[in-house]
Protein backbone atom coordinates (compact mmCIF):
# COMPACT_ATOMS: atom_id res chain seq x y z
CA UNK A 1 31.99 49.27 -63.42
CA UNK A 2 28.81 49.86 -61.45
CA UNK A 3 28.92 48.05 -58.36
CA UNK A 4 25.76 45.46 -58.88
CA UNK A 5 25.09 45.06 -55.17
CA UNK A 6 26.32 48.06 -53.29
CA UNK A 7 24.27 46.93 -49.91
CA UNK A 8 25.91 43.57 -50.02
CA UNK A 9 29.06 44.25 -47.77
CA UNK A 10 29.83 41.02 -45.67
CA UNK A 11 32.94 40.89 -43.56
CA UNK A 12 34.87 37.87 -44.55
CA UNK A 13 35.03 35.33 -42.13
CA UNK A 14 32.00 36.27 -39.91
CA UNK A 15 29.13 34.07 -39.53
CA UNK A 16 25.93 36.05 -40.41
CA UNK A 17 22.59 34.57 -39.61
CA UNK A 18 20.35 34.60 -42.72
CA UNK A 19 17.28 32.60 -41.34
CA UNK A 20 16.54 29.98 -38.53
CA UNK A 21 19.20 27.45 -38.73
CA UNK A 22 21.10 28.99 -41.34
CA UNK A 23 24.36 31.10 -41.46
CA UNK A 24 26.62 32.40 -44.14
CA UNK A 25 30.43 32.91 -43.97
CA UNK A 26 32.10 34.67 -47.14
CA UNK A 27 35.57 33.37 -47.95
CA UNK A 28 38.23 35.89 -48.30
CA UNK A 29 38.50 35.53 -52.21
CA UNK A 30 37.18 38.40 -54.02
CA UNK A 31 37.48 39.12 -57.62
CA UNK A 32 35.76 39.98 -60.78
CA UNK A 33 34.88 36.35 -61.23
CA UNK A 34 33.83 35.47 -57.44
CA UNK A 35 32.35 39.04 -56.53
CA UNK A 36 32.86 39.65 -52.56
CA UNK A 37 34.04 35.96 -52.35
CA UNK A 38 32.37 32.38 -52.11
CA UNK A 39 29.43 31.98 -49.81
CA UNK A 40 29.80 29.25 -47.45
CA UNK A 41 26.55 28.13 -45.82
CA UNK A 42 26.19 26.31 -42.21
CA UNK A 43 22.70 24.71 -42.10
CA UNK A 44 21.42 23.24 -38.73
CA UNK A 45 21.17 23.80 -35.18
CA UNK A 46 23.35 20.84 -33.74
CA UNK A 47 24.35 18.52 -36.43
CA UNK A 48 25.52 20.86 -39.20
CA UNK A 49 25.66 20.65 -42.87
CA UNK A 50 28.30 22.93 -44.80
CA UNK A 51 27.41 23.72 -48.28
CA UNK A 52 30.61 24.96 -50.44
CA UNK A 53 33.26 25.06 -48.00
CA UNK A 54 35.14 27.37 -50.48
CA UNK A 55 38.92 27.67 -51.52
CA UNK A 56 41.94 26.20 -50.19
CA UNK A 57 42.37 28.81 -47.37
CA UNK A 58 43.37 27.71 -43.91
CA UNK A 59 41.92 31.13 -42.48
CA UNK A 60 38.45 30.21 -43.83
CA UNK A 61 38.74 26.76 -42.50
CA UNK A 62 39.46 28.43 -39.06
CA UNK A 63 36.43 30.57 -39.58
CA UNK A 64 34.30 27.84 -40.24
CA UNK A 65 35.33 25.73 -37.45
CA UNK A 66 35.46 28.89 -35.17
CA UNK A 67 31.62 29.39 -35.95
CA UNK A 68 30.48 26.16 -34.17
CA UNK A 69 28.74 26.84 -30.79
CA UNK A 70 28.92 24.44 -27.68
CA UNK A 71 27.20 21.32 -28.87
CA UNK A 72 27.43 21.68 -32.58
CA UNK A 73 29.46 19.62 -34.87
CA UNK A 74 29.65 19.33 -38.79
CA UNK A 75 28.23 16.13 -40.10
CA UNK A 76 27.92 16.75 -43.75
CA UNK A 77 29.98 18.61 -46.21
CA UNK A 78 28.07 19.46 -49.64
CA UNK A 79 29.73 20.69 -52.44
CA UNK A 80 27.66 22.26 -55.38
CA UNK A 81 30.59 21.76 -58.04
CA UNK A 82 34.09 21.21 -58.73
CA UNK A 83 35.61 24.93 -59.34
CA UNK A 84 38.46 26.12 -57.12
CA UNK A 85 36.46 28.68 -55.28
CA UNK A 86 33.96 26.09 -54.24
CA UNK A 87 35.35 22.73 -53.55
CA UNK A 88 39.19 22.50 -52.33
CA UNK A 89 38.56 22.94 -48.73
CA UNK A 90 36.03 19.92 -48.59
CA UNK A 91 38.55 17.46 -47.99
CA UNK A 92 40.40 19.56 -45.21
CA UNK A 93 37.09 20.35 -43.53
CA UNK A 94 36.10 16.60 -43.91
CA UNK A 95 39.30 15.69 -42.28
CA UNK A 96 38.86 18.09 -39.51
CA UNK A 97 35.44 17.02 -38.59
CA UNK A 98 35.04 13.41 -39.56
CA UNK A 99 32.27 14.50 -42.07
CA UNK A 100 31.88 12.80 -45.46
CA UNK A 101 32.00 15.16 -48.43
CA UNK A 102 28.74 14.85 -50.60
CA UNK A 103 28.63 15.81 -54.39
CA UNK A 104 27.38 14.78 -57.88
CA UNK A 105 30.82 13.38 -58.79
CA UNK A 106 34.44 14.22 -59.74
CA UNK A 107 35.22 17.34 -61.93
CA UNK A 108 34.40 15.34 -64.95
CA UNK A 109 31.27 14.18 -63.84
CA UNK A 110 27.99 15.29 -65.59
CA UNK A 111 29.38 16.47 -69.03
CA UNK A 112 26.86 16.05 -71.87
CA UNK A 113 27.98 13.68 -74.54
CA UNK A 114 28.80 16.48 -76.97
CA UNK A 115 31.06 18.02 -74.38
CA UNK A 116 32.76 14.82 -73.50
CA UNK A 117 33.54 14.60 -77.45
CA UNK A 118 34.81 18.07 -77.69
CA UNK A 119 36.95 17.39 -74.69
CA UNK A 120 38.39 14.29 -76.38
CA UNK A 121 38.95 16.35 -79.45
CA UNK A 122 41.26 18.87 -77.53
CA UNK A 123 38.60 21.41 -76.66
CA UNK A 124 40.06 22.83 -73.40
CA UNK A 125 38.64 24.88 -70.53
CA UNK A 126 39.23 28.53 -70.42
CA UNK A 127 41.32 28.42 -67.22
CA UNK A 128 38.35 29.31 -64.76
CA UNK A 129 40.06 27.07 -62.40
CA UNK A 130 38.91 23.61 -62.23
CA UNK A 131 39.42 21.60 -59.09
CA UNK A 132 40.73 18.57 -61.06
CA UNK A 133 41.51 16.40 -57.98
CA UNK A 134 38.18 16.74 -56.47
CA UNK A 135 36.53 13.31 -55.45
CA UNK A 136 33.51 13.10 -53.05
CA UNK A 137 32.91 10.52 -50.46
CA UNK A 138 29.31 10.05 -51.62
CA UNK A 139 28.15 10.62 -54.89
CA UNK A 140 24.71 12.05 -55.23
CA UNK A 141 22.05 11.42 -58.00
CA UNK A 142 19.42 13.65 -59.07
CA UNK A 143 16.71 13.85 -56.43
CA UNK A 144 18.49 12.22 -53.82
CA UNK A 145 17.91 13.37 -50.21
CA UNK A 146 20.46 13.99 -47.58
CA UNK A 147 18.88 14.00 -44.09
CA UNK A 148 20.91 15.38 -41.08
CA UNK A 149 19.88 16.53 -37.58
CA UNK A 150 16.60 18.32 -37.95
CA UNK A 151 17.22 19.22 -41.67
CA UNK A 152 16.82 17.72 -45.24
CA UNK A 153 18.04 18.63 -48.39
CA UNK A 154 17.31 17.38 -51.82
CA UNK A 155 19.93 17.23 -54.47
CA UNK A 156 19.09 18.60 -57.83
CA UNK A 157 21.58 18.08 -60.90
CA UNK A 158 21.52 21.33 -62.54
CA UNK A 159 24.49 21.09 -65.10
CA UNK A 160 25.27 24.24 -67.48
CA UNK A 161 27.75 26.29 -65.29
CA UNK A 162 29.53 23.03 -64.84
CA UNK A 163 28.69 19.54 -65.52
CA UNK A 164 28.66 18.21 -62.01
CA UNK A 165 26.83 21.13 -60.58
CA UNK A 166 24.31 20.58 -57.90
CA UNK A 167 21.51 22.89 -56.52
CA UNK A 168 20.32 21.79 -53.21
CA UNK A 169 16.57 22.39 -52.16
CA UNK A 170 15.94 22.99 -48.43
CA UNK A 171 12.16 23.42 -48.30
CA UNK A 172 11.27 26.25 -50.47
CA UNK A 173 14.67 27.74 -50.63
CA UNK A 174 17.42 26.69 -52.97
CA UNK A 175 21.19 26.71 -52.63
CA UNK A 176 21.66 27.70 -56.41
CA UNK A 177 25.55 27.51 -56.54
CA UNK A 178 26.74 29.35 -59.69
CA UNK A 179 23.68 28.43 -61.58
CA UNK A 180 21.74 31.58 -60.54
CA UNK A 181 23.38 34.34 -59.15
CA UNK A 182 21.94 38.19 -58.65
CA UNK A 183 25.07 40.06 -59.14
CA UNK A 184 26.06 38.58 -62.41
CA UNK A 185 25.09 36.12 -65.12
CA UNK A 186 26.93 32.85 -64.89
CA UNK A 187 29.96 31.81 -66.95
CA UNK A 188 29.36 28.94 -69.30
CA UNK A 189 32.72 28.07 -70.39
CA UNK A 190 33.07 24.63 -72.59
CA UNK A 191 33.69 21.94 -72.18
CA UNK A 192 33.00 22.17 -68.54
CA UNK A 193 29.96 24.62 -69.14
CA UNK A 194 27.30 23.81 -71.35
CA UNK A 195 24.73 26.41 -72.57
CA UNK A 196 22.22 23.74 -73.80
CA UNK A 197 22.13 22.18 -70.29
CA UNK A 198 22.30 25.45 -68.70
CA UNK A 199 18.91 26.63 -70.29
CA UNK A 200 17.49 23.44 -69.26
CA UNK A 201 18.51 23.59 -65.70
CA UNK A 202 17.03 27.41 -65.65
CA UNK A 203 13.74 25.89 -67.01
CA UNK A 204 13.88 23.07 -64.54
CA UNK A 205 14.25 25.27 -61.37
CA UNK A 206 11.56 27.96 -62.73
CA UNK A 207 9.27 25.03 -62.73
CA UNK A 208 9.06 25.23 -58.86
CA UNK A 209 8.24 27.80 -56.65
CA UNK A 210 10.96 29.12 -54.43
CA UNK A 211 10.82 31.65 -51.49
CA UNK A 212 14.50 32.67 -51.94
CA UNK A 213 17.85 31.52 -53.83
CA UNK A 214 20.90 31.46 -51.97
CA UNK A 215 23.64 31.64 -54.51
CA UNK A 216 27.45 30.87 -54.57
CA UNK A 217 28.39 34.31 -54.66
CA UNK A 218 26.55 37.73 -53.77
CA UNK A 219 23.20 38.54 -51.76
CA UNK A 220 20.27 36.25 -51.43
CA UNK A 221 17.72 36.34 -54.33
CA UNK A 222 14.28 37.37 -53.04
CA UNK A 223 12.67 37.28 -56.42
CA UNK A 224 13.54 33.94 -57.95
CA UNK A 225 11.08 33.77 -60.73
CA UNK A 226 11.89 37.16 -62.04
CA UNK A 227 15.62 36.68 -61.84
CA UNK A 228 15.40 33.25 -63.71
CA UNK A 229 13.66 34.91 -66.35
CA UNK A 230 15.71 37.91 -66.46
CA UNK A 231 18.92 35.39 -67.04
CA UNK A 232 16.96 33.50 -69.75
CA UNK A 233 16.01 36.78 -71.60
CA UNK A 234 19.70 37.74 -71.36
CA UNK A 235 20.92 34.46 -72.89
CA UNK A 236 18.46 34.89 -75.76
CA UNK A 237 19.31 38.42 -76.39
CA UNK A 238 23.11 37.38 -76.47
CA UNK A 239 22.46 34.88 -79.11
CA UNK A 240 20.68 37.65 -81.04
CA UNK A 241 23.58 39.92 -80.77
CA UNK A 242 25.93 36.93 -81.90
CA UNK A 243 23.89 36.42 -85.08
CA UNK A 244 23.70 40.01 -85.84
CA UNK A 245 27.56 40.15 -85.51
CA UNK A 246 27.88 37.19 -87.78
CA UNK A 247 26.04 39.16 -90.52
CA UNK A 248 29.28 41.22 -90.65
CA UNK A 249 31.14 38.11 -91.65
CA UNK A 250 32.24 34.55 -90.34
CA UNK A 251 34.27 34.76 -87.24
CA UNK A 252 35.75 33.06 -84.21
CA UNK A 253 34.53 33.47 -80.64
CA UNK A 254 37.13 35.85 -79.87
CA UNK A 255 36.24 38.10 -82.71
CA UNK A 256 32.82 37.98 -81.92
CA UNK A 257 33.29 38.74 -78.34
CA UNK A 258 35.35 41.89 -79.14
CA UNK A 259 32.65 42.90 -81.50
CA UNK A 260 29.97 42.57 -78.80
CA UNK A 261 31.51 43.18 -75.54
CA UNK A 262 32.50 46.55 -76.18
CA UNK A 263 32.19 47.91 -72.63
CA UNK A 264 33.92 45.05 -70.83
CA UNK A 265 37.16 45.41 -69.18
CA UNK A 266 40.02 43.89 -71.03
CA UNK A 267 40.81 41.41 -68.26
CA UNK A 268 37.19 39.94 -68.67
CA UNK A 269 37.43 39.37 -72.37
CA UNK A 270 38.77 36.04 -72.12
CA UNK A 271 35.73 35.05 -70.01
CA UNK A 272 33.36 36.80 -72.45
CA UNK A 273 35.05 34.88 -75.30
CA UNK A 274 34.26 31.63 -73.60
CA UNK A 275 30.58 32.62 -73.12
CA UNK A 276 30.45 33.46 -76.92
CA UNK A 277 31.89 29.93 -77.51
CA UNK A 278 29.35 28.48 -75.54
CA UNK A 279 26.43 30.12 -77.44
CA UNK A 280 28.01 29.29 -80.61
CA UNK A 281 28.12 25.62 -79.80
CA UNK A 282 24.65 25.74 -78.50
CA UNK A 283 23.43 27.09 -81.68
CA UNK A 284 25.68 24.92 -84.03
CA UNK A 285 23.63 21.74 -81.98
CA UNK A 286 20.33 23.56 -82.92
CA UNK A 287 21.41 24.11 -86.68
CA UNK A 288 21.49 27.82 -86.68
CA UNK A 289 25.11 28.24 -87.24
CA UNK A 290 27.72 26.13 -88.67
CA UNK A 291 31.62 25.82 -88.48
CA UNK A 292 32.54 24.10 -91.83
CA UNK A 293 36.20 23.14 -90.73
CA UNK A 294 34.69 21.59 -87.55
CA UNK A 295 34.05 22.14 -83.86
CA UNK A 296 37.11 23.63 -82.08
CA UNK A 297 38.11 26.34 -79.71
CA UNK A 298 39.23 28.62 -82.69
CA UNK A 299 36.51 27.62 -85.10
CA UNK A 300 35.34 30.00 -87.82
CA UNK A 301 31.39 30.13 -87.45
CA UNK A 302 28.84 31.42 -89.95
CA UNK A 303 24.93 31.56 -90.20
CA UNK A 304 23.48 28.48 -91.60
């Protein structure tokens, strides 16, 4: 598979300056789902905010603490969402620094009513690594502002990749978590992921003008509007592919993924299947497809 960002080669554990008052440390957790690793951001000059502390890795904790210069301390810990590559280190970092953890809510917060019902009916996640025990000290509501030592962050609830997903606006820069990334499209895996919410969140951030997006993985996005539009088109094209595949006969998400993702490595097909399921659930809510036996993980869908 071609490297989507060959020039993005950060050294894990090293603090790299991206802009005045902003540094990034990449965690040592590269994988097909995390690219080079999780981006941890340090914002501020003296009293710092840490955005997405990352996985449960004591070496990464040491790297964050070692990045502090004389006179600096960590005053706030901000988490975009409760996946295992973003949130587990929040509590150890808070305990080491005395900072409070800020997030939208626990791992179940922010799910749409449809996804809550599907979860109650037995639809399970696809094994993407939910930090089930995550609980913030401070629950942020949409549009809440967090103010620190010379900086201010606005929390925007942007569900879709995950129900409790927040993006953080810092002036005209946005820490976009896993909602918008440049190296790949986001995984949307029900019931934690919700494609209807995802598309609405894309539209919401597209309505504002950003100079740059700092994603949860990969390089900064210097053309935010174009990237957001590209992701929308990608999703619409995927829907068209699914509908075309259903013309060959009713099928479940796994069968459709195998028909559509013909160039995808086998190890990534389960994630592709979850993405297809998210599209099918979205189109079912819009009345374009139906599952006569009911909405389940293995439901057989057909064109309405």
